[in-house]
Amino acid sequence: MRWRERYEKEGIEGVKWNGRRGRPTKLTISEKKELKRIILKGPISNGYPNELWSTYRVSEIIRKEF
């Protein structure tokens, strides 16, 4: 149900933020901790040519490691 339909059916309570955004994570808590450790080491330490993390690079790390 889209936000407008929820608003028409339930009023303002129907469209308040519920604390969730986007797709649920597929990583476990321990995998998230490991990903954080990898990211904090920096892109160069992970084989990239510069110190720029991008969403693409992070997704590559996730695919390779998990």
PDB file of N, CA and C in Angstrom:
ATOM      1  N   MET A   1       0.853  -1.180   0.000  1.00  0.00           N
ATOM      2  CA  MET A   1       0.000   0.000   0.000  1.00  0.00           C
ATOM      3  C   MET A   1       0.897   1.241   0.000  1.00  0.00           C
ATOM      4  N   ARG A   2       0.638   2.153  -0.871  1.00  0.00           N
ATOM      5  CA  ARG A   2       1.412   3.385  -0.981  1.00  0.00           C
ATOM      6  C   ARG A   2       1.040   4.365   0.127  1.00  0.00           C
ATOM      7  N   TRP A   3       1.932   5.343   0.341  1.00  0.00           N
ATOM      8  CA  TRP A   3       1.735   6.274   1.442  1.00  0.00           C
ATOM      9  C   TRP A   3       0.432   7.049   1.332  1.00  0.00           C
ATOM     10  N   ARG A   4       0.041   7.401   0.115  1.00  0.00           N
ATOM     11  CA  ARG A   4      -1.198   8.176  -0.038  1.00  0.00           C
ATOM     12  C   ARG A   4      -2.418   7.336   0.352  1.00  0.00           C
ATOM     13  N   GLU A   5      -2.426   6.085  -0.067  1.00  0.00           N
ATOM     14  CA  GLU A   5      -3.530   5.189   0.299  1.00  0.00           C
ATOM     15  C   GLU A   5      -3.582   4.988   1.809  1.00  0.00           C
ATOM     16  N   ARG A   6      -2.387   4.844   2.423  1.00  0.00           N
ATOM     17  CA  ARG A   6      -2.339   4.687   3.882  1.00  0.00           C
ATOM     18  C   ARG A   6      -2.863   5.941   4.572  1.00  0.00           C
ATOM     19  N   TYR A   7      -2.503   7.107   4.047  1.00  0.00           N
ATOM     20  CA  TYR A   7      -2.971   8.354   4.634  1.00  0.00           C
ATOM     21  C   TYR A   7      -4.490   8.456   4.536  1.00  0.00           C
ATOM     22  N   GLU A   8      -5.042   8.125   3.372  1.00  0.00           N
ATOM     23  CA  GLU A   8      -6.487   8.203   3.184  1.00  0.00           C
ATOM     24  C   GLU A   8      -7.220   7.207   4.072  1.00  0.00           C
ATOM     25  N   LYS A   9      -6.630   6.056   4.303  1.00  0.00           N
ATOM     26  CA  LYS A   9      -7.273   5.011   5.102  1.00  0.00           C
ATOM     27  C   LYS A   9      -7.063   5.208   6.603  1.00  0.00           C
ATOM     28  N   GLU A  10      -5.809   5.597   7.001  1.00  0.00           N
ATOM     29  CA  GLU A  10      -5.454   5.620   8.418  1.00  0.00           C
ATOM     30  C   GLU A  10      -5.122   7.002   8.970  1.00  0.00           C
ATOM     31  N   GLY A  11      -5.112   8.017   8.109  1.00  0.00           N
ATOM     32  CA  GLY A  11      -4.756   9.355   8.560  1.00  0.00           C
ATOM     33  C   GLY A  11      -3.264   9.481   8.795  1.00  0.00           C
ATOM     34  N   ILE A  12      -2.885  10.497   9.574  1.00  0.00           N
ATOM     35  CA  ILE A  12      -1.473  10.790   9.787  1.00  0.00           C
ATOM     36  C   ILE A  12      -0.734   9.628  10.443  1.00  0.00           C
ATOM     37  N   GLU A  13      -1.388   8.871  11.283  1.00  0.00           N
ATOM     38  CA  GLU A  13      -0.754   7.724  11.938  1.00  0.00           C
ATOM     39  C   GLU A  13      -0.315   6.670  10.925  1.00  0.00           C
ATOM     40  N   GLY A  14      -1.003   6.588   9.827  1.00  0.00           N
ATOM     41  CA  GLY A  14      -0.674   5.596   8.812  1.00  0.00           C
ATOM     42  C   GLY A  14       0.574   5.899   8.011  1.00  0.00           C
ATOM     43  N   VAL A  15       1.018   7.154   8.056  1.00  0.00           N
ATOM     44  CA  VAL A  15       2.199   7.520   7.265  1.00  0.00           C
ATOM     45  C   VAL A  15       3.395   7.936   8.116  1.00  0.00           C
ATOM     46  N   LYS A  16       3.278   7.801   9.418  1.00  0.00           N
ATOM     47  CA  LYS A  16       4.424   8.110  10.274  1.00  0.00           C
ATOM     48  C   LYS A  16       5.523   7.099  10.036  1.00  0.00           C
ATOM     49  N   TRP A  17       6.775   7.556  10.199  1.00  0.00           N
ATOM     50  CA  TRP A  17       7.927   6.688   9.998  1.00  0.00           C
ATOM     51  C   TRP A  17       7.910   5.575  11.033  1.00  0.00           C
ATOM     52  N   ASN A  18       8.110   4.336  10.587  1.00  0.00           N
ATOM     53  CA  ASN A  18       8.049   3.184  11.487  1.00  0.00           C
ATOM     54  C   ASN A  18       9.421   2.700  11.932  1.00  0.00           C
ATOM     55  N   GLY A  19      10.460   3.451  11.596  1.00  0.00           N
ATOM     56  CA  GLY A  19      11.800   3.085  12.027  1.00  0.00           C
ATOM     57  C   GLY A  19      12.546   2.183  11.066  1.00  0.00           C
ATOM     58  N   ARG A  20      11.923   1.765  10.002  1.00  0.00           N
ATOM     59  CA  ARG A  20      12.572   0.897   9.018  1.00  0.00           C
ATOM     60  C   ARG A  20      12.702   1.638   7.706  1.00  0.00           C
ATOM     61  N   ARG A  21      13.815   1.372   7.016  1.00  0.00           N
ATOM     62  CA  ARG A  21      14.001   1.949   5.692  1.00  0.00           C
ATOM     63  C   ARG A  21      14.591   0.890   4.796  1.00  0.00           C
ATOM     64  N   GLY A  22      14.062   0.765   3.637  1.00  0.00           N
ATOM     65  CA  GLY A  22      14.649  -0.120   2.639  1.00  0.00           C
ATOM     66  C   GLY A  22      14.536  -1.591   2.952  1.00  0.00           C
ATOM     67  N   ARG A  23      15.285  -2.336   2.207  1.00  0.00           N
ATOM     68  CA  ARG A  23      15.294  -3.788   2.293  1.00  0.00           C
ATOM     69  C   ARG A  23      15.989  -4.237   3.582  1.00  0.00           C
ATOM     70  N   PRO A  24      15.487  -5.274   4.227  1.00  0.00           N
ATOM     71  CA  PRO A  24      16.160  -5.783   5.430  1.00  0.00           C
ATOM     72  C   PRO A  24      17.562  -6.301   5.095  1.00  0.00           C
ATOM     73  N   THR A  25      18.472  -6.174   6.054  1.00  0.00           N
ATOM     74  CA  THR A  25      19.837  -6.617   5.838  1.00  0.00           C
ATOM     75  C   THR A  25      19.917  -8.138   5.711  1.00  0.00           C
ATOM     76  N   LYS A  26      20.868  -8.596   4.920  1.00  0.00           N
ATOM     77  CA  LYS A  26      21.112 -10.030   4.789  1.00  0.00           C
ATOM     78  C   LYS A  26      22.343 -10.435   5.588  1.00  0.00           C
ATOM     79  N   LEU A  27      23.046  -9.449   6.141  1.00  0.00           N
ATOM     80  CA  LEU A  27      24.244  -9.738   6.919  1.00  0.00           C
ATOM     81  C   LEU A  27      23.886  -9.980   8.382  1.00  0.00           C
ATOM     82  N   THR A  28      24.592 -10.923   8.989  1.00  0.00           N
ATOM     83  CA  THR A  28      24.417 -11.165  10.419  1.00  0.00           C
ATOM     84  C   THR A  28      25.144 -10.069  11.193  1.00  0.00           C
ATOM     85  N   ILE A  29      24.930 -10.034  12.490  1.00  0.00           N
ATOM     86  CA  ILE A  29      25.606  -9.043  13.327  1.00  0.00           C
ATOM     87  C   ILE A  29      27.118  -9.212  13.236  1.00  0.00           C
ATOM     88  N   SER A  30      27.595 -10.451  13.280  1.00  0.00           N
ATOM     89  CA  SER A  30      29.045 -10.674  13.200  1.00  0.00           C
ATOM     90  C   SER A  30      29.591 -10.287  11.825  1.00  0.00           C
ATOM     91  N   GLU A  31      28.819 -10.514  10.769  1.00  0.00           N
ATOM     92  CA  GLU A  31      29.246 -10.096   9.430  1.00  0.00           C
ATOM     93  C   GLU A  31      29.311  -8.576   9.324  1.00  0.00           C
ATOM     94  N   LYS A  32      28.365  -7.889   9.960  1.00  0.00           N
ATOM     95  CA  LYS A  32      28.395  -6.423   9.961  1.00  0.00           C
ATOM     96  C   LYS A  32      29.639  -5.910  10.680  1.00  0.00           C
ATOM     97  N   LYS A  33      29.994  -6.560  11.789  1.00  0.00           N
ATOM     98  CA  LYS A  33      31.200  -6.162  12.520  1.00  0.00           C
ATOM     99  C   LYS A  33      32.440  -6.385  11.664  1.00  0.00           C
ATOM    100  N   GLU A  34      32.503  -7.500  10.961  1.00  0.00           N
ATOM    101  CA  GLU A  34      33.631  -7.793  10.084  1.00  0.00           C
ATOM    102  C   GLU A  34      33.688  -6.792   8.929  1.00  0.00           C
ATOM    103  N   LEU A  35      32.540  -6.447   8.363  1.00  0.00           N
ATOM    104  CA  LEU A  35      32.494  -5.456   7.288  1.00  0.00           C
ATOM    105  C   LEU A  35      33.016  -4.109   7.781  1.00  0.00           C
ATOM    106  N   LYS A  36      32.612  -3.726   8.977  1.00  0.00           N
ATOM    107  CA  LYS A  36      33.096  -2.470   9.559  1.00  0.00           C
ATOM    108  C   LYS A  36      34.617  -2.503   9.699  1.00  0.00           C
ATOM    109  N   ARG A  37      35.167  -3.628  10.170  1.00  0.00           N
ATOM    110  CA  ARG A  37      36.614  -3.772  10.322  1.00  0.00           C
ATOM    111  C   ARG A  37      37.314  -3.611   8.972  1.00  0.00           C
ATOM    112  N   ILE A  38      36.750  -4.254   7.949  1.00  0.00           N
ATOM    113  CA  ILE A  38      37.313  -4.169   6.596  1.00  0.00           C
ATOM    114  C   ILE A  38      37.286  -2.725   6.096  1.00  0.00           C
ATOM    115  N   ILE A  39      36.161  -2.060   6.274  1.00  0.00           N
ATOM    116  CA  ILE A  39      36.010  -0.682   5.798  1.00  0.00           C
ATOM    117  C   ILE A  39      36.974   0.258   6.519  1.00  0.00           C
ATOM    118  N   LEU A  40      37.131   0.063   7.822  1.00  0.00           N
ATOM    119  CA  LEU A  40      38.022   0.941   8.583  1.00  0.00           C
ATOM    120  C   LEU A  40      39.488   0.778   8.192  1.00  0.00           C
ATOM    121  N   LYS A  41      39.846  -0.358   7.617  1.00  0.00           N
ATOM    122  CA  LYS A  41      41.217  -0.549   7.123  1.00  0.00           C
ATOM    123  C   LYS A  41      41.489   0.355   5.925  1.00  0.00           C
ATOM    124  N   GLY A  42      40.441   0.748   5.225  1.00  0.00           N
ATOM    125  CA  GLY A  42      40.578   1.660   4.097  1.00  0.00           C
ATOM    126  C   GLY A  42      40.576   0.959   2.755  1.00  0.00           C
ATOM    127  N   PRO A  43      40.199   1.690   1.721  1.00  0.00           N
ATOM    128  CA  PRO A  43      40.127   1.125   0.373  1.00  0.00           C
ATOM    129  C   PRO A  43      41.471   0.639  -0.164  1.00  0.00           C
ATOM    130  N   ILE A  44      42.538   1.391   0.088  1.00  0.00           N
ATOM    131  CA  ILE A  44      43.845   0.988  -0.441  1.00  0.00           C
ATOM    132  C   ILE A  44      44.263  -0.358   0.147  1.00  0.00           C
ATOM    133  N   SER A  45      44.017  -0.558   1.438  1.00  0.00           N
ATOM    134  CA  SER A  45      44.339  -1.839   2.076  1.00  0.00           C
ATOM    135  C   SER A  45      43.530  -2.985   1.492  1.00  0.00           C
ATOM    136  N   ASN A  46      42.445  -2.650   0.832  1.00  0.00           N
ATOM    137  CA  ASN A  46      41.580  -3.662   0.234  1.00  0.00           C
ATOM    138  C   ASN A  46      41.744  -3.749  -1.281  1.00  0.00           C
ATOM    139  N   GLY A  47      42.847  -3.190  -1.789  1.00  0.00           N
ATOM    140  CA  GLY A  47      43.173  -3.361  -3.198  1.00  0.00           C
ATOM    141  C   GLY A  47      42.677  -2.294  -4.152  1.00  0.00           C
ATOM    142  N   TYR A  48      42.107  -1.213  -3.630  1.00  0.00           N
ATOM    143  CA  TYR A  48      41.630  -0.137  -4.497  1.00  0.00           C
ATOM    144  C   TYR A  48      42.724   0.917  -4.661  1.00  0.00           C
ATOM    145  N   PRO A  49      42.715   1.663  -5.770  1.00  0.00           N
ATOM    146  CA  PRO A  49      43.816   2.584  -6.068  1.00  0.00           C
ATOM    147  C   PRO A  49      43.790   3.915  -5.312  1.00  0.00           C
ATOM    148  N   ASN A  50      42.689   4.224  -4.604  1.00  0.00           N
ATOM    149  CA  ASN A  50      42.632   5.489  -3.871  1.00  0.00           C
ATOM    150  C   ASN A  50      41.836   5.312  -2.583  1.00  0.00           C
ATOM    151  N   GLU A  51      41.765   6.366  -1.785  1.00  0.00           N
ATOM    152  CA  GLU A  51      41.107   6.314  -0.474  1.00  0.00           C
ATOM    153  C   GLU A  51      39.625   6.683  -0.533  1.00  0.00           C
ATOM    154  N   LEU A  52      38.953   6.310  -1.570  1.00  0.00           N
ATOM    155  CA  LEU A  52      37.538   6.639  -1.725  1.00  0.00           C
ATOM    156  C   LEU A  52      36.685   5.383  -1.603  1.00  0.00           C
ATOM    157  N   TRP A  53      35.808   5.349  -0.590  1.00  0.00           N
ATOM    158  CA  TRP A  53      34.812   4.281  -0.522  1.00  0.00           C
ATOM    159  C   TRP A  53      33.586   4.747  -1.293  1.00  0.00           C
ATOM    160  N   SER A  54      33.041   3.895  -2.095  1.00  0.00           N
ATOM    161  CA  SER A  54      31.783   4.174  -2.793  1.00  0.00           C
ATOM    162  C   SER A  54      30.825   3.037  -2.457  1.00  0.00           C
ATOM    163  N   THR A  55      29.562   3.249  -2.719  1.00  0.00           N
ATOM    164  CA  THR A  55      28.604   2.171  -2.469  1.00  0.00           C
ATOM    165  C   THR A  55      28.921   0.966  -3.342  1.00  0.00           C
ATOM    166  N   TYR A  56      29.424   1.218  -4.540  1.00  0.00           N
ATOM    167  CA  TYR A  56      29.791   0.110  -5.423  1.00  0.00           C
ATOM    168  C   TYR A  56      30.924  -0.712  -4.815  1.00  0.00           C
ATOM    169  N   ARG A  57      31.937  -0.034  -4.303  1.00  0.00           N
ATOM    170  CA  ARG A  57      33.062  -0.749  -3.702  1.00  0.00           C
ATOM    171  C   ARG A  57      32.633  -1.538  -2.466  1.00  0.00           C
ATOM    172  N   VAL A  58      31.809  -0.934  -1.637  1.00  0.00           N
ATOM    173  CA  VAL A  58      31.330  -1.648  -0.452  1.00  0.00           C
ATOM    174  C   VAL A  58      30.526  -2.870  -0.876  1.00  0.00           C
ATOM    175  N   SER A  59      29.694  -2.732  -1.896  1.00  0.00           N
ATOM    176  CA  SER A  59      28.915  -3.887  -2.363  1.00  0.00           C
ATOM    177  C   SER A  59      29.830  -4.968  -2.929  1.00  0.00           C
ATOM    178  N   GLU A  60      30.928  -4.575  -3.564  1.00  0.00           N
ATOM    179  CA  GLU A  60      31.908  -5.559  -4.045  1.00  0.00           C
ATOM    180  C   GLU A  60      32.516  -6.328  -2.878  1.00  0.00           C
ATOM    181  N   ILE A  61      32.886  -5.613  -1.835  1.00  0.00           N
ATOM    182  CA  ILE A  61      33.456  -6.257  -0.650  1.00  0.00           C
ATOM    183  C   ILE A  61      32.454  -7.240  -0.061  1.00  0.00           C
ATOM    184  N   ILE A  62      31.202  -6.833   0.039  1.00  0.00           N
ATOM    185  CA  ILE A  62      30.167  -7.714   0.591  1.00  0.00           C
ATOM    186  C   ILE A  62      30.033  -8.968  -0.262  1.00  0.00           C
ATOM    187  N   ARG A  63      29.994  -8.817  -1.571  1.00  0.00           N
ATOM    188  CA  ARG A  63      29.876  -9.985  -2.463  1.00  0.00           C
ATOM    189  C   ARG A  63      31.070 -10.923  -2.324  1.00  0.00           C
ATOM    190  N   LYS A  64      32.271 -10.351  -2.235  1.00  0.00           N
ATOM    191  CA  LYS A  64      33.485 -11.170  -2.154  1.00  0.00           C
ATOM    192  C   LYS A  64      33.632 -11.868  -0.805  1.00  0.00           C
ATOM    193  N   GLU A  65      33.332 -11.158   0.263  1.00  0.00           N
ATOM    194  CA  GLU A  65      33.607 -11.664   1.608  1.00  0.00           C
ATOM    195  C   GLU A  65      32.469 -12.473   2.221  1.00  0.00           C
ATOM    196  N   PHE A  66      31.247 -12.178   1.831  1.00  0.00           N
ATOM    197  CA  PHE A  66      30.115 -12.818   2.500  1.00  0.00           C
ATOM    198  C   PHE A  66      29.235 -13.516   1.490  1.00  0.00           C
TER     199      PHE A  66
END
